[in-house]
């Protein structure tokens, strides 16, 4: 059986990047250890309280909040997100800016990103998906 590789990159609140790499036998126990380390580093998504005013949040936090509120379980595109963002925040946002923010959320491990020809879709990494890693 060939050796398996698993690599996870996590960003903390200060913008530091941590790379955790596992080569060899990827087991449920090893995957749980990696997820525990990620949680200790603050890499798990945090829900922004509803009571906070959207105007007080940074643009990045607004994007994250709207993803968590409106797309908790479904795949969505940058165009889908843009429509919801503009209705919720009542601010115009270009599609390229939306794509940049969603891409950054993906790089930070908060969103899954998939590309099908020229269509890019995103999905929030939920507890269900994290549990799927635990069942390796």
Protein backbone atom coordinates (compact mmCIF):
# COMPACT_ATOMS: atom_id res chain seq x y z
CA UNK A 1 0.00 0.00 0.00
CA UNK A 2 1.53 3.35 -1.01
CA UNK A 3 2.16 6.01 1.59
CA UNK A 4 -0.62 8.59 1.91
CA UNK A 5 -0.06 12.28 2.35
CA UNK A 6 -2.22 14.83 4.12
CA UNK A 7 -1.36 18.51 4.37
CA UNK A 8 -3.38 21.20 6.10
CA UNK A 9 -2.64 24.92 6.10
CA UNK A 10 -4.12 27.08 8.85
CA UNK A 11 -4.00 30.84 9.37
CA UNK A 12 -4.36 32.32 12.83
CA UNK A 13 -5.95 35.67 13.71
CA UNK A 14 -2.61 37.43 13.24
CA UNK A 15 -2.21 36.13 9.70
CA UNK A 16 0.48 33.57 10.55
CA UNK A 17 0.37 30.43 8.42
CA UNK A 18 0.88 26.99 9.93
CA UNK A 19 1.40 23.96 7.71
CA UNK A 20 0.68 20.56 9.22
CA UNK A 21 1.84 17.62 7.18
CA UNK A 22 1.27 13.90 7.64
CA UNK A 23 2.96 11.29 5.48
CA UNK A 24 2.30 7.62 5.97
CA UNK A 25 -0.77 5.89 7.28
CA UNK A 26 -3.67 8.36 7.53
CA UNK A 27 -5.97 7.07 10.23
CA UNK A 28 -8.98 8.44 12.05
CA UNK A 29 -6.85 8.99 15.14
CA UNK A 30 -4.23 10.97 13.18
CA UNK A 31 -6.89 13.09 11.46
CA UNK A 32 -8.47 13.90 14.84
CA UNK A 33 -5.07 14.97 16.18
CA UNK A 34 -4.62 17.32 13.23
CA UNK A 35 -8.11 18.80 13.72
CA UNK A 36 -7.34 19.29 17.44
CA UNK A 37 -4.16 21.20 16.55
CA UNK A 38 -6.11 23.33 14.06
CA UNK A 39 -8.68 24.13 16.74
CA UNK A 40 -5.93 25.14 19.19
CA UNK A 41 -4.47 27.49 16.57
CA UNK A 42 -7.85 29.14 16.09
CA UNK A 43 -8.39 27.78 12.61
CA UNK A 44 -11.95 26.61 13.13
CA UNK A 45 -14.64 28.97 11.85
CA UNK A 46 -16.14 31.23 14.48
CA UNK A 47 -19.73 32.36 14.23
CA UNK A 48 -20.15 36.12 14.41
CA UNK A 49 -22.98 37.01 16.80
CA UNK A 50 -26.15 38.29 15.10
CA UNK A 51 -26.38 41.17 17.56
CA UNK A 52 -23.28 42.84 16.13
CA UNK A 53 -24.05 45.49 13.57
CA UNK A 54 -22.75 44.65 10.10
CA UNK A 55 -21.52 48.24 9.76
CA UNK A 56 -19.05 47.72 12.62
CA UNK A 57 -17.42 44.70 10.95
CA UNK A 58 -14.56 44.76 8.47
CA UNK A 59 -15.42 43.85 4.89
CA UNK A 60 -13.72 40.46 5.35
CA UNK A 61 -15.82 39.74 8.47
CA UNK A 62 -18.98 40.83 6.63
CA UNK A 63 -18.21 38.34 3.87
CA UNK A 64 -17.60 35.59 6.41
CA UNK A 65 -20.78 36.43 8.34
CA UNK A 66 -22.95 36.35 5.21
CA UNK A 67 -21.47 33.04 4.09
CA UNK A 68 -22.19 31.50 7.50
CA UNK A 69 -25.71 32.98 7.61
CA UNK A 70 -26.97 32.41 4.06
CA UNK A 71 -24.91 29.48 2.75
CA UNK A 72 -24.34 27.13 5.70
CA UNK A 73 -25.00 23.90 3.79
CA UNK A 74 -25.10 24.67 0.09
CA UNK A 75 -22.64 25.23 -2.73
CA UNK A 76 -22.68 28.78 -4.10
CA UNK A 77 -20.87 30.89 -6.68
CA UNK A 78 -19.34 34.32 -6.36
CA UNK A 79 -22.31 35.71 -8.30
CA UNK A 80 -24.77 34.10 -5.83
CA UNK A 81 -22.85 35.58 -2.93
CA UNK A 82 -22.68 39.03 -4.55
CA UNK A 83 -26.48 39.21 -4.83
CA UNK A 84 -27.01 38.28 -1.19
CA UNK A 85 -24.22 40.59 0.03
CA UNK A 86 -25.63 43.62 -1.78
CA UNK A 87 -29.13 42.98 -0.39
CA UNK A 88 -27.93 42.35 3.17
CA UNK A 89 -25.27 45.03 3.51
CA UNK A 90 -26.69 47.47 0.95
CA UNK A 91 -23.23 48.09 -0.49
CA UNK A 92 -22.09 47.50 -4.03
CA UNK A 93 -19.26 45.01 -4.43
CA UNK A 94 -17.57 44.04 -7.69
CA UNK A 95 -17.51 40.40 -8.72
CA UNK A 96 -13.70 40.38 -8.76
CA UNK A 97 -13.63 41.64 -5.15
CA UNK A 98 -16.12 38.95 -4.13
CA UNK A 99 -13.96 36.29 -5.80
CA UNK A 100 -10.88 37.58 -3.98
CA UNK A 101 -12.54 37.45 -0.55
CA UNK A 102 -14.02 33.99 -1.16
CA UNK A 103 -10.66 32.74 -2.37
CA UNK A 104 -9.01 34.04 0.80
CA UNK A 105 -11.62 32.29 2.95
CA UNK A 106 -10.83 29.12 1.03
CA UNK A 107 -7.09 29.56 1.60
CA UNK A 108 -7.73 30.00 5.31
CA UNK A 109 -9.59 26.69 5.43
CA UNK A 110 -13.07 28.10 6.01
CA UNK A 111 -14.48 27.27 2.57
CA UNK A 112 -14.18 24.39 0.17
CA UNK A 113 -13.49 25.48 -3.39
CA UNK A 114 -14.21 23.45 -6.50
CA UNK A 115 -13.72 24.30 -10.16
CA UNK A 116 -15.79 22.80 -12.98
CA UNK A 117 -14.47 24.15 -16.31
CA UNK A 118 -14.92 27.92 -15.87
CA UNK A 119 -17.35 27.79 -12.93
CA UNK A 120 -15.97 28.06 -9.39
CA UNK A 121 -18.19 27.01 -6.48
CA UNK A 122 -17.69 27.37 -2.75
CA UNK A 123 -19.10 25.68 0.32
CA UNK A 124 -18.70 26.42 4.02
CA UNK A 125 -16.73 23.75 5.83
CA UNK A 126 -19.33 22.68 8.38
CA UNK A 127 -19.12 20.43 11.39
CA UNK A 128 -20.50 17.61 9.22
CA UNK A 129 -17.54 17.90 6.88
CA UNK A 130 -15.13 18.04 9.80
CA UNK A 131 -16.76 14.90 11.18
CA UNK A 132 -16.19 13.24 7.83
CA UNK A 133 -12.44 13.70 8.42
CA UNK A 134 -12.85 12.05 11.80
CA UNK A 135 -14.32 8.96 10.12
CA UNK A 136 -11.22 8.31 8.00
